[in-house]
Amino acid sequence: MFHLYLASLLFYTLNFLKLLRTRLLFYFSCQSLHFTFHIPHTMITPVAPTTVSEITKPTMNTTVTPIAETDGPLFPATLISPEVIAALPQDYTIRPLRRSDYNRGYLDVLRVLTTVGEITEEAWNKRYEWITSRNDEYYMLVVCDGEDRIVGTGSLIVERKFIHSLGMVGHIEDIAVEKNQQGKKLGLRIIQALDHVAAQVGCYKSILDCSEVNEGFYVKCGFKRAGLEMAHYY
């Protein structure tokens, strides 16, 4: 009788151990799947990779900002007068300033007008970003020849006032044309284009400073003497 009891106890013990082993294997298998995939194991049928190329690689952010987004025009080109565009010499274009104009001779054209200094591309980019952050205050345009080289430039800076019912005044500045391009009326077209932009954005007048030698030129552009310029240099 005692032998039958021992046999029965051994039988149940072995069955219990088998059941315990099965449950432990299942438990650790579930834990392994959850740790590896970070989602419930019931949603996954894991398959081991058979080749090195099938091994999952870390996901990398490969998003690249298109050049068009970083080198867009300083202001909408639609503000430039179609009549001015049509009056340019053949193969010449007039357009808003771009960031990449650093490499098209923009600063060299300004040197025809005054001192510029040695400006690195990094310094140029910082100033350009600041100008773009001013949104609708700076309107700088360039004239390019048939080889996409800048040969002329001019700027319109919009000043917001309290007078004249919160009116705006356009300041035309830095008109410059490369010396070997003078005589093609490029300066006239730049002035006309900037004057048109000023009217389009809502300025009630445009003003500029010039020497007496150039007064006749600006009279032809539609301007008239309206005072005397005073300056205090630092």
C-alpha atoms as a PDB file:
ATOM      1  CA  MET A   1       0.000   0.000   0.000  1.00  0.00           C
ATOM      2  CA  PHE A   2       2.872   2.309   0.880  1.00  0.00           C
ATOM      3  CA  HIS A   3       4.509   1.610  -2.516  1.00  0.00           C
ATOM      4  CA  LEU A   4       1.317   2.604  -4.322  1.00  0.00           C
ATOM      5  CA  TYR A   5       1.216   5.866  -2.350  1.00  0.00           C
ATOM      6  CA  LEU A   6       4.819   6.695  -3.281  1.00  0.00           C
ATOM      7  CA  ALA A   7       4.193   5.885  -6.948  1.00  0.00           C
ATOM      8  CA  SER A   8       1.114   8.087  -7.004  1.00  0.00           C
ATOM      9  CA  LEU A   9       3.000  10.938  -5.271  1.00  0.00           C
ATOM     10  CA  LEU A  10       5.882  10.647  -7.717  1.00  0.00           C
ATOM     11  CA  PHE A  11       3.479  10.675 -10.681  1.00  0.00           C
ATOM     12  CA  TYR A  12       1.720  13.847  -9.540  1.00  0.00           C
ATOM     13  CA  THR A  13       5.035  15.500  -8.663  1.00  0.00           C
ATOM     14  CA  LEU A  14       6.432  14.840 -12.141  1.00  0.00           C
ATOM     15  CA  ASN A  15       3.271  16.153 -13.781  1.00  0.00           C
ATOM     16  CA  PHE A  16       3.421  19.281 -11.599  1.00  0.00           C
ATOM     17  CA  LEU A  17       7.052  19.881 -12.524  1.00  0.00           C
ATOM     18  CA  LYS A  18       6.258  19.470 -16.238  1.00  0.00           C
ATOM     19  CA  LEU A  19       3.381  21.940 -15.930  1.00  0.00           C
ATOM     20  CA  LEU A  20       5.575  24.367 -13.978  1.00  0.00           C
ATOM     21  CA  ARG A  21       8.331  24.081 -16.609  1.00  0.00           C
ATOM     22  CA  THR A  22       5.853  24.784 -19.402  1.00  0.00           C
ATOM     23  CA  ARG A  23       4.466  27.861 -17.631  1.00  0.00           C
ATOM     24  CA  LEU A  24       7.934  29.206 -16.851  1.00  0.00           C
ATOM     25  CA  LEU A  25       9.034  28.819 -20.466  1.00  0.00           C
ATOM     26  CA  PHE A  26       5.906  30.572 -21.654  1.00  0.00           C
ATOM     27  CA  TYR A  27       6.339  33.385 -19.097  1.00  0.00           C
ATOM     28  CA  PHE A  28       9.968  34.118 -20.007  1.00  0.00           C
ATOM     29  CA  SER A  29       9.173  33.857 -23.687  1.00  0.00           C
ATOM     30  CA  CYS A  30       6.500  36.548 -23.274  1.00  0.00           C
ATOM     31  CA  GLN A  31       8.827  38.740 -21.264  1.00  0.00           C
ATOM     32  CA  SER A  32      11.489  38.499 -23.962  1.00  0.00           C
ATOM     33  CA  LEU A  33       9.102  39.527 -26.716  1.00  0.00           C
ATOM     34  CA  HIS A  34       7.781  42.462 -24.766  1.00  0.00           C
ATOM     35  CA  PHE A  35      11.251  43.756 -23.999  1.00  0.00           C
ATOM     36  CA  THR A  36      12.486  43.470 -27.592  1.00  0.00           C
ATOM     37  CA  PHE A  37       9.555  44.956 -29.478  1.00  0.00           C
ATOM     38  CA  HIS A  38       7.938  47.166 -26.808  1.00  0.00           C
ATOM     39  CA  ILE A  39       4.454  46.034 -27.827  1.00  0.00           C
ATOM     40  CA  PRO A  40       2.256  43.124 -26.585  1.00  0.00           C
ATOM     41  CA  HIS A  41       3.549  39.733 -27.718  1.00  0.00           C
ATOM     42  CA  THR A  42       0.110  38.734 -28.993  1.00  0.00           C
ATOM     43  CA  MET A  43       0.488  41.318 -31.806  1.00  0.00           C
ATOM     44  CA  ILE A  44       3.820  39.998 -33.125  1.00  0.00           C
ATOM     45  CA  THR A  45       5.056  36.950 -34.937  1.00  0.00           C
ATOM     46  CA  PRO A  46       8.828  37.321 -34.554  1.00  0.00           C
ATOM     47  CA  VAL A  47      11.021  35.936 -37.339  1.00  0.00           C
ATOM     48  CA  ALA A  48      14.778  35.774 -36.941  1.00  0.00           C
ATOM     49  CA  PRO A  49      16.741  37.476 -39.764  1.00  0.00           C
ATOM     50  CA  THR A  50      18.457  35.100 -42.114  1.00  0.00           C
ATOM     51  CA  THR A  51      21.020  37.543 -43.526  1.00  0.00           C
ATOM     52  CA  VAL A  52      22.983  40.500 -42.204  1.00  0.00           C
ATOM     53  CA  SER A  53      21.062  42.900 -44.455  1.00  0.00           C
ATOM     54  CA  GLU A  54      17.793  41.892 -42.752  1.00  0.00           C
ATOM     55  CA  ILE A  55      18.973  43.119 -39.358  1.00  0.00           C
ATOM     56  CA  THR A  56      17.029  46.219 -38.375  1.00  0.00           C
ATOM     57  CA  LYS A  57      19.102  49.418 -38.471  1.00  0.00           C
ATOM     58  CA  PRO A  58      18.415  52.476 -36.287  1.00  0.00           C
ATOM     59  CA  THR A  59      16.040  54.962 -37.874  1.00  0.00           C
ATOM     60  CA  MET A  60      17.773  58.231 -38.808  1.00  0.00           C
ATOM     61  CA  ASN A  61      16.260  61.606 -39.614  1.00  0.00           C
ATOM     62  CA  THR A  62      17.309  62.219 -43.215  1.00  0.00           C
ATOM     63  CA  THR A  63      15.056  65.222 -43.812  1.00  0.00           C
ATOM     64  CA  VAL A  64      16.896  67.881 -45.841  1.00  0.00           C
ATOM     65  CA  THR A  65      15.549  71.414 -46.235  1.00  0.00           C
ATOM     66  CA  PRO A  66      15.133  72.119 -49.979  1.00  0.00           C
ATOM     67  CA  ILE A  67      17.385  74.828 -51.392  1.00  0.00           C
ATOM     68  CA  ALA A  68      14.323  76.659 -52.685  1.00  0.00           C
ATOM     69  CA  GLU A  69      13.145  77.214 -49.096  1.00  0.00           C
ATOM     70  CA  THR A  70      16.454  78.630 -47.880  1.00  0.00           C
ATOM     71  CA  ASP A  71      17.111  80.740 -50.981  1.00  0.00           C
ATOM     72  CA  GLY A  72      13.729  82.235 -51.668  1.00  0.00           C
ATOM     73  CA  PRO A  73      13.226  85.862 -52.743  1.00  0.00           C
ATOM     74  CA  LEU A  74      13.413  88.560 -50.072  1.00  0.00           C
ATOM     75  CA  PHE A  75       9.938  89.778 -51.063  1.00  0.00           C
ATOM     76  CA  PRO A  76       7.271  88.742 -53.612  1.00  0.00           C
ATOM     77  CA  ALA A  77       8.500  89.327 -57.159  1.00  0.00           C
ATOM     78  CA  THR A  78       4.955  90.341 -58.131  1.00  0.00           C
ATOM     79  CA  LEU A  79       5.606  93.731 -56.493  1.00  0.00           C
ATOM     80  CA  ILE A  80       8.029  94.636 -59.288  1.00  0.00           C
ATOM     81  CA  SER A  81       6.477  96.665 -62.106  1.00  0.00           C
ATOM     82  CA  PRO A  82       5.855  94.659 -65.317  1.00  0.00           C
ATOM     83  CA  GLU A  83       6.608  97.828 -67.299  1.00  0.00           C
ATOM     84  CA  VAL A  84      10.068  98.037 -65.735  1.00  0.00           C
ATOM     85  CA  ILE A  85      10.738  94.382 -66.500  1.00  0.00           C
ATOM     86  CA  ALA A  86       9.730  94.898 -70.137  1.00  0.00           C
ATOM     87  CA  ALA A  87      11.947  97.989 -70.467  1.00  0.00           C
ATOM     88  CA  LEU A  88      15.177  96.205 -69.471  1.00  0.00           C
ATOM     89  CA  PRO A  89      17.830  95.389 -72.101  1.00  0.00           C
ATOM     90  CA  GLN A  90      17.517  91.981 -73.725  1.00  0.00           C
ATOM     91  CA  ASP A  91      18.517  89.058 -71.457  1.00  0.00           C
ATOM     92  CA  TYR A  92      18.568  91.294 -68.372  1.00  0.00           C
ATOM     93  CA  THR A  93      16.343  90.541 -65.388  1.00  0.00           C
ATOM     94  CA  ILE A  94      15.297  92.387 -62.246  1.00  0.00           C
ATOM     95  CA  ARG A  95      14.280  90.476 -59.139  1.00  0.00           C
ATOM     96  CA  PRO A  96      14.291  90.518 -55.313  1.00  0.00           C
ATOM     97  CA  LEU A  97      17.545  89.859 -53.469  1.00  0.00           C
ATOM     98  CA  ARG A  98      18.354  86.252 -52.529  1.00  0.00           C
ATOM     99  CA  ARG A  99      20.638  84.760 -49.893  1.00  0.00           C
ATOM    100  CA  SER A 100      22.825  83.178 -52.609  1.00  0.00           C
ATOM    101  CA  ASP A 101      23.530  86.606 -54.166  1.00  0.00           C
ATOM    102  CA  TYR A 102      26.597  86.771 -51.953  1.00  0.00           C
ATOM    103  CA  ASN A 103      28.229  84.598 -54.630  1.00  0.00           C
ATOM    104  CA  ARG A 104      26.862  86.591 -57.580  1.00  0.00           C
ATOM    105  CA  GLY A 105      28.789  89.803 -57.003  1.00  0.00           C
ATOM    106  CA  TYR A 106      26.236  91.756 -54.953  1.00  0.00           C
ATOM    107  CA  LEU A 107      28.806  93.280 -52.612  1.00  0.00           C
ATOM    108  CA  ASP A 108      31.126  94.128 -55.510  1.00  0.00           C
ATOM    109  CA  VAL A 109      28.380  96.227 -57.083  1.00  0.00           C
ATOM    110  CA  LEU A 110      27.846  98.076 -53.798  1.00  0.00           C
ATOM    111  CA  ARG A 111      31.569  98.889 -53.748  1.00  0.00           C
ATOM    112  CA  VAL A 112      30.960 101.082 -56.798  1.00  0.00           C
ATOM    113  CA  LEU A 113      28.868 103.279 -54.505  1.00  0.00           C
ATOM    114  CA  THR A 114      30.810 103.314 -51.238  1.00  0.00           C
ATOM    115  CA  THR A 115      33.036 101.315 -48.897  1.00  0.00           C
ATOM    116  CA  VAL A 116      31.673  97.897 -47.968  1.00  0.00           C
ATOM    117  CA  GLY A 117      34.404  96.143 -46.000  1.00  0.00           C
ATOM    118  CA  GLU A 118      35.392  92.489 -45.953  1.00  0.00           C
ATOM    119  CA  ILE A 119      32.183  90.606 -45.231  1.00  0.00           C
ATOM    120  CA  THR A 120      32.355  86.833 -44.776  1.00  0.00           C
ATOM    121  CA  GLU A 121      29.569  84.598 -46.012  1.00  0.00           C
ATOM    122  CA  GLU A 122      28.721  83.743 -42.408  1.00  0.00           C
ATOM    123  CA  ALA A 123      28.326  87.431 -41.551  1.00  0.00           C
ATOM    124  CA  TRP A 124      26.285  87.928 -44.729  1.00  0.00           C
ATOM    125  CA  ASN A 125      23.923  85.099 -43.763  1.00  0.00           C
ATOM    126  CA  LYS A 126      23.373  86.517 -40.278  1.00  0.00           C
ATOM    127  CA  ARG A 127      22.540  89.960 -41.638  1.00  0.00           C
ATOM    128  CA  TYR A 128      20.308  88.474 -44.364  1.00  0.00           C
ATOM    129  CA  GLU A 129      18.381  86.451 -41.772  1.00  0.00           C
ATOM    130  CA  TRP A 130      17.902  89.580 -39.674  1.00  0.00           C
ATOM    131  CA  ILE A 131      16.600  91.495 -42.698  1.00  0.00           C
ATOM    132  CA  THR A 132      14.146  88.713 -43.567  1.00  0.00           C
ATOM    133  CA  SER A 133      12.918  88.723 -39.962  1.00  0.00           C
ATOM    134  CA  ARG A 134      11.816  92.340 -40.481  1.00  0.00           C
ATOM    135  CA  ASN A 135       9.220  90.952 -42.886  1.00  0.00           C
ATOM    136  CA  ASP A 136       7.763  93.895 -44.850  1.00  0.00           C
ATOM    137  CA  GLU A 137      10.320  96.568 -44.020  1.00  0.00           C
ATOM    138  CA  TYR A 138      13.211  95.846 -46.418  1.00  0.00           C
ATOM    139  CA  TYR A 139      12.843  95.565 -50.198  1.00  0.00           C
ATOM    140  CA  MET A 140      16.195  95.014 -51.901  1.00  0.00           C
ATOM    141  CA  LEU A 141      16.358  94.141 -55.579  1.00  0.00           C
ATOM    142  CA  VAL A 142      19.051  93.349 -58.112  1.00  0.00           C
ATOM    143  CA  VAL A 143      19.516  93.532 -61.868  1.00  0.00           C
ATOM    144  CA  CYS A 144      21.270  90.544 -63.461  1.00  0.00           C
ATOM    145  CA  ASP A 145      22.819  90.197 -66.896  1.00  0.00           C
ATOM    146  CA  GLY A 146      22.408  87.239 -69.241  1.00  0.00           C
ATOM    147  CA  GLU A 147      24.974  85.245 -67.241  1.00  0.00           C
ATOM    148  CA  ASP A 148      23.027  85.670 -63.986  1.00  0.00           C
ATOM    149  CA  ARG A 149      25.683  88.037 -62.653  1.00  0.00           C
ATOM    150  CA  ILE A 150      24.507  91.002 -60.568  1.00  0.00           C
ATOM    151  CA  VAL A 151      25.243  94.321 -62.278  1.00  0.00           C
ATOM    152  CA  GLY A 152      22.927  96.692 -60.401  1.00  0.00           C
ATOM    153  CA  THR A 153      21.064  97.011 -57.115  1.00  0.00           C
ATOM    154  CA  GLY A 154      18.875  99.281 -55.019  1.00  0.00           C
ATOM    155  CA  SER A 155      16.963  99.187 -51.729  1.00  0.00           C
ATOM    156  CA  LEU A 156      13.660 100.441 -50.378  1.00  0.00           C
ATOM    157  CA  ILE A 157      13.301 100.723 -46.598  1.00  0.00           C
ATOM    158  CA  VAL A 158       9.772 101.329 -45.319  1.00  0.00           C
ATOM    159  CA  GLU A 159       9.415 103.620 -42.290  1.00  0.00           C
ATOM    160  CA  ARG A 160       6.222 103.445 -40.240  1.00  0.00           C
ATOM    161  CA  LYS A 161       5.038 106.717 -38.687  1.00  0.00           C
ATOM    162  CA  PHE A 162       2.340 108.075 -36.391  1.00  0.00           C
ATOM    163  CA  ILE A 163       1.739 111.104 -38.616  1.00  0.00           C
ATOM    164  CA  HIS A 164      -0.514 111.032 -41.670  1.00  0.00           C
ATOM    165  CA  SER A 165      -2.818 108.494 -40.018  1.00  0.00           C
ATOM    166  CA  LEU A 166      -0.069 105.968 -39.267  1.00  0.00           C
ATOM    167  CA  GLY A 167       1.372 106.505 -42.713  1.00  0.00           C
ATOM    168  CA  MET A 168       4.439 104.878 -44.227  1.00  0.00           C
ATOM    169  CA  VAL A 169       7.364 106.502 -46.041  1.00  0.00           C
ATOM    170  CA  GLY A 170       9.643 104.690 -48.464  1.00  0.00           C
ATOM    171  CA  HIS A 171      13.360 105.475 -48.254  1.00  0.00           C
ATOM    172  CA  ILE A 172      15.208 104.637 -51.470  1.00  0.00           C
ATOM    173  CA  GLU A 173      18.834 103.801 -50.723  1.00  0.00           C
ATOM    174  CA  ASP A 174      22.053 102.350 -52.139  1.00  0.00           C
ATOM    175  CA  ILE A 175      21.435 102.693 -55.871  1.00  0.00           C
ATOM    176  CA  ALA A 176      24.492 101.216 -57.587  1.00  0.00           C
ATOM    177  CA  VAL A 177      25.306 100.043 -61.125  1.00  0.00           C
ATOM    178  CA  GLU A 178      28.501  98.335 -62.194  1.00  0.00           C
ATOM    179  CA  LYS A 179      30.736 100.806 -64.050  1.00  0.00           C
ATOM    180  CA  ASN A 180      30.886  98.838 -67.296  1.00  0.00           C
ATOM    181  CA  GLN A 181      27.049  98.596 -67.274  1.00  0.00           C
ATOM    182  CA  GLN A 182      26.339 102.299 -66.955  1.00  0.00           C
ATOM    183  CA  GLY A 183      24.609 103.993 -69.881  1.00  0.00           C
ATOM    184  CA  LYS A 184      21.967 101.247 -70.245  1.00  0.00           C
ATOM    185  CA  LYS A 185      19.403 103.049 -68.062  1.00  0.00           C
ATOM    186  CA  LEU A 186      19.691 100.339 -65.401  1.00  0.00           C
ATOM    187  CA  GLY A 187      19.766 102.950 -62.627  1.00  0.00           C
ATOM    188  CA  LEU A 188      16.561 104.484 -63.963  1.00  0.00           C
ATOM    189  CA  ARG A 189      14.842 101.072 -64.029  1.00  0.00           C
ATOM    190  CA  ILE A 190      15.948 100.331 -60.461  1.00  0.00           C
ATOM    191  CA  ILE A 191      14.530 103.660 -59.224  1.00  0.00           C
ATOM    192  CA  GLN A 192      11.269 103.083 -61.104  1.00  0.00           C
ATOM    193  CA  ALA A 193      10.987  99.558 -59.717  1.00  0.00           C
ATOM    194  CA  LEU A 194      11.568 100.647 -56.109  1.00  0.00           C
ATOM    195  CA  ASP A 195       9.157 103.567 -56.462  1.00  0.00           C
ATOM    196  CA  HIS A 196       6.516 101.148 -57.736  1.00  0.00           C
ATOM    197  CA  VAL A 197       7.108  98.790 -54.797  1.00  0.00           C
ATOM    198  CA  ALA A 198       6.683 101.707 -52.370  1.00  0.00           C
ATOM    199  CA  ALA A 199       3.306 102.550 -53.884  1.00  0.00           C
ATOM    200  CA  GLN A 200       2.257  98.896 -53.884  1.00  0.00           C
ATOM    201  CA  VAL A 201       2.964  98.386 -50.169  1.00  0.00           C
ATOM    202  CA  GLY A 202       1.088 101.564 -49.187  1.00  0.00           C
ATOM    203  CA  CYS A 203       3.690 104.308 -48.763  1.00  0.00           C
ATOM    204  CA  TYR A 204       2.319 107.842 -49.165  1.00  0.00           C
ATOM    205  CA  LYS A 205       5.654 109.062 -50.551  1.00  0.00           C
ATOM    206  CA  SER A 206       9.201 107.975 -51.388  1.00  0.00           C
ATOM    207  CA  ILE A 207      12.265 110.017 -50.508  1.00  0.00           C
ATOM    208  CA  LEU A 208      15.982 109.759 -51.264  1.00  0.00           C
ATOM    209  CA  ASP A 209      19.219 111.661 -50.827  1.00  0.00           C
ATOM    210  CA  CYS A 210      21.515 112.586 -53.694  1.00  0.00           C
ATOM    211  CA  SER A 211      24.355 114.913 -54.592  1.00  0.00           C
ATOM    212  CA  GLU A 212      23.706 118.030 -56.671  1.00  0.00           C
ATOM    213  CA  VAL A 213      25.569 116.376 -59.545  1.00  0.00           C
ATOM    214  CA  ASN A 214      22.920 113.629 -59.696  1.00  0.00           C
ATOM    215  CA  GLU A 215      19.903 115.877 -59.137  1.00  0.00           C
ATOM    216  CA  GLY A 216      19.025 115.986 -62.835  1.00  0.00           C
ATOM    217  CA  PHE A 217      18.945 112.192 -63.018  1.00  0.00           C
ATOM    218  CA  TYR A 218      16.462 111.895 -60.163  1.00  0.00           C
ATOM    219  CA  VAL A 219      14.292 114.651 -61.605  1.00  0.00           C
ATOM    220  CA  LYS A 220      13.974 112.468 -64.724  1.00  0.00           C
ATOM    221  CA  CYS A 221      12.875 109.637 -62.414  1.00  0.00           C
ATOM    222  CA  GLY A 222       9.964 111.759 -61.160  1.00  0.00           C
ATOM    223  CA  PHE A 223      11.505 113.182 -57.981  1.00  0.00           C
ATOM    224  CA  LYS A 224      11.863 116.850 -57.043  1.00  0.00           C
ATOM    225  CA  ARG A 225      13.948 118.788 -54.555  1.00  0.00           C
ATOM    226  CA  ALA A 226      12.185 118.845 -51.187  1.00  0.00           C
ATOM    227  CA  GLY A 227      14.718 120.149 -48.703  1.00  0.00           C
ATOM    228  CA  LEU A 228      18.354 119.850 -47.718  1.00  0.00           C
ATOM    229  CA  GLU A 229      20.021 116.711 -46.389  1.00  0.00           C
ATOM    230  CA  MET A 230      21.833 117.022 -43.068  1.00  0.00           C
ATOM    231  CA  ALA A 231      24.115 114.327 -41.642  1.00  0.00           C
ATOM    232  CA  HIS A 232      26.096 113.677 -38.475  1.00  0.00           C
ATOM    233  CA  TYR A 233      28.673 110.918 -38.972  1.00  0.00           C
ATOM    234  CA  TYR A 234      30.108 108.829 -36.133  1.00  0.00           C
END
